[in-house]
N, C-alpha and C. Protein backbone atom coordinates (compact mmCIF):
# COMPACT_ATOMS: atom_id res chain seq x y z
N MET A 1 181.20 39.53 -37.74
CA MET A 1 182.36 39.78 -36.91
C MET A 1 183.26 40.80 -37.60
N LEU A 2 183.78 41.72 -36.82
CA LEU A 2 184.63 42.76 -37.36
C LEU A 2 186.04 42.24 -37.62
N PRO A 3 186.68 42.76 -38.68
CA PRO A 3 188.06 42.34 -38.92
C PRO A 3 188.98 42.96 -37.87
N LYS A 4 190.06 42.26 -37.58
CA LYS A 4 191.02 42.76 -36.60
C LYS A 4 191.76 43.96 -37.19
N PRO A 5 192.02 44.99 -36.36
CA PRO A 5 192.78 46.13 -36.87
C PRO A 5 194.23 45.74 -37.16
N LYS A 6 194.77 46.39 -38.17
CA LYS A 6 196.16 46.12 -38.53
C LYS A 6 197.08 46.86 -37.57
N LYS A 7 198.03 46.15 -37.00
CA LYS A 7 198.95 46.74 -36.04
C LYS A 7 200.25 47.09 -36.72
N ARG A 8 200.21 48.14 -37.50
CA ARG A 8 201.42 48.63 -38.13
C ARG A 8 201.33 50.14 -38.26
N TRP A 9 202.42 50.74 -38.60
CA TRP A 9 202.48 52.19 -38.70
C TRP A 9 201.71 52.65 -39.92
N THR A 10 200.93 53.71 -39.75
CA THR A 10 200.19 54.29 -40.86
C THR A 10 200.54 55.77 -40.98
N PRO A 11 201.54 56.10 -41.78
CA PRO A 11 201.95 57.50 -41.90
C PRO A 11 200.86 58.41 -42.46
N SER A 12 199.88 57.87 -43.15
CA SER A 12 198.82 58.72 -43.69
C SER A 12 197.97 59.33 -42.59
N LEU A 13 197.99 58.76 -41.39
CA LEU A 13 197.20 59.28 -40.27
C LEU A 13 198.00 60.22 -39.38
N TRP A 14 199.25 60.43 -39.65
CA TRP A 14 200.08 61.28 -38.83
C TRP A 14 199.78 62.75 -39.08
N ALA A 15 200.22 63.60 -38.18
CA ALA A 15 200.04 65.03 -38.34
C ALA A 15 200.95 65.55 -39.45
N SER A 16 200.57 66.68 -39.99
CA SER A 16 201.31 67.27 -41.10
C SER A 16 202.53 68.04 -40.59
N TRP A 17 203.52 68.20 -41.45
CA TRP A 17 204.69 68.99 -41.12
C TRP A 17 204.38 70.48 -41.22
N LYS A 18 203.28 70.83 -41.88
CA LYS A 18 202.93 72.23 -42.07
C LYS A 18 202.06 72.71 -40.90
N PRO A 19 202.53 73.67 -40.11
CA PRO A 19 201.71 74.14 -39.00
C PRO A 19 200.51 74.93 -39.50
N PHE A 20 199.36 74.71 -38.91
CA PHE A 20 198.11 75.39 -39.23
C PHE A 20 197.69 75.21 -40.68
N GLY A 21 198.21 74.22 -41.37
CA GLY A 21 197.80 73.98 -42.74
C GLY A 21 198.24 75.07 -43.70
N ILE A 22 199.44 75.60 -43.51
CA ILE A 22 199.94 76.67 -44.39
C ILE A 22 200.01 76.15 -45.82
N GLY A 23 199.46 76.91 -46.73
CA GLY A 23 199.43 76.50 -48.13
C GLY A 23 198.20 75.71 -48.49
N GLU A 24 197.38 75.36 -47.51
CA GLU A 24 196.14 74.64 -47.77
C GLU A 24 195.05 75.65 -48.15
N GLN A 25 193.95 75.14 -48.66
CA GLN A 25 192.85 76.02 -49.03
C GLN A 25 192.16 76.57 -47.77
N TYR A 26 192.00 75.73 -46.76
CA TYR A 26 191.38 76.14 -45.51
C TYR A 26 192.38 75.95 -44.38
N PRO A 27 192.84 77.02 -43.73
CA PRO A 27 193.79 76.85 -42.64
C PRO A 27 193.13 76.23 -41.42
N ASN A 28 193.94 75.67 -40.52
CA ASN A 28 193.42 74.99 -39.34
C ASN A 28 193.48 75.85 -38.09
N ASN A 29 193.56 77.15 -38.23
CA ASN A 29 193.65 78.02 -37.06
C ASN A 29 192.32 78.73 -36.82
N TYR A 30 191.28 77.94 -36.61
CA TYR A 30 189.95 78.51 -36.43
C TYR A 30 189.87 79.34 -35.15
N TRP A 31 190.60 78.96 -34.10
CA TRP A 31 190.52 79.70 -32.85
C TRP A 31 191.04 81.12 -33.03
N GLU A 32 192.15 81.29 -33.73
CA GLU A 32 192.68 82.63 -33.93
C GLU A 32 191.78 83.44 -34.85
N VAL A 33 191.19 82.80 -35.81
CA VAL A 33 190.31 83.51 -36.74
C VAL A 33 189.06 83.99 -36.01
N ARG A 34 188.47 83.12 -35.20
CA ARG A 34 187.23 83.46 -34.51
C ARG A 34 187.46 84.36 -33.30
N LYS A 35 188.69 84.49 -32.84
CA LYS A 35 188.97 85.33 -31.68
C LYS A 35 188.63 86.79 -31.99
N LYS A 36 188.79 87.19 -33.23
CA LYS A 36 188.49 88.56 -33.63
C LYS A 36 186.99 88.84 -33.55
N ASP A 37 186.18 87.87 -33.89
CA ASP A 37 184.74 88.06 -33.94
C ASP A 37 184.04 87.34 -32.80
N LEU A 38 184.65 87.35 -31.62
CA LEU A 38 184.09 86.62 -30.49
C LEU A 38 182.75 87.21 -30.06
N TYR A 39 182.63 88.53 -30.05
CA TYR A 39 181.37 89.16 -29.66
C TYR A 39 180.26 88.79 -30.63
N GLN A 40 180.56 88.80 -31.91
CA GLN A 40 179.54 88.45 -32.91
C GLN A 40 179.12 86.99 -32.77
N ALA A 41 180.06 86.11 -32.56
CA ALA A 41 179.74 84.69 -32.40
C ALA A 41 178.90 84.48 -31.14
N PHE A 42 179.23 85.17 -30.06
CA PHE A 42 178.47 85.04 -28.82
C PHE A 42 177.04 85.55 -29.01
N SER A 43 176.86 86.65 -29.71
CA SER A 43 175.52 87.18 -29.92
C SER A 43 174.68 86.27 -30.81
N VAL A 44 175.30 85.65 -31.80
CA VAL A 44 174.57 84.71 -32.66
C VAL A 44 174.13 83.49 -31.86
N LEU A 45 175.03 82.95 -31.03
CA LEU A 45 174.67 81.79 -30.22
C LEU A 45 173.56 82.13 -29.23
N ASN A 46 173.62 83.31 -28.61
CA ASN A 46 172.56 83.71 -27.69
C ASN A 46 171.24 83.88 -28.41
N HIS A 47 171.27 84.42 -29.60
CA HIS A 47 170.05 84.61 -30.37
C HIS A 47 169.38 83.26 -30.64
N PHE A 48 170.15 82.28 -31.07
CA PHE A 48 169.58 80.96 -31.34
C PHE A 48 169.12 80.28 -30.06
N TYR A 49 169.83 80.52 -28.96
CA TYR A 49 169.42 79.91 -27.70
C TYR A 49 168.05 80.44 -27.28
N TYR A 50 167.89 81.76 -27.31
CA TYR A 50 166.62 82.34 -26.90
C TYR A 50 165.52 82.05 -27.91
N LEU A 51 165.87 81.87 -29.15
CA LEU A 51 164.88 81.59 -30.18
C LEU A 51 164.29 80.20 -30.00
N PHE A 52 165.13 79.21 -29.70
CA PHE A 52 164.67 77.83 -29.61
C PHE A 52 164.38 77.38 -28.18
N ALA A 53 164.83 78.11 -27.17
CA ALA A 53 164.61 77.68 -25.79
C ALA A 53 163.21 78.06 -25.30
N THR A 54 162.62 79.07 -25.91
CA THR A 54 161.29 79.50 -25.46
C THR A 54 160.19 78.86 -26.24
């Protein structure tokens, strides 16, 4: 039987005060980073699709 979840506030699970992980080693703005290379990402995905779909 599973233990009952604790019904209290857990600040460790809250979002950070730093937007996009500023000052972190890896920022959390993957959409803006990949927006520049959208054509390259699309061509890579199409290549793998045609490679494994046939």
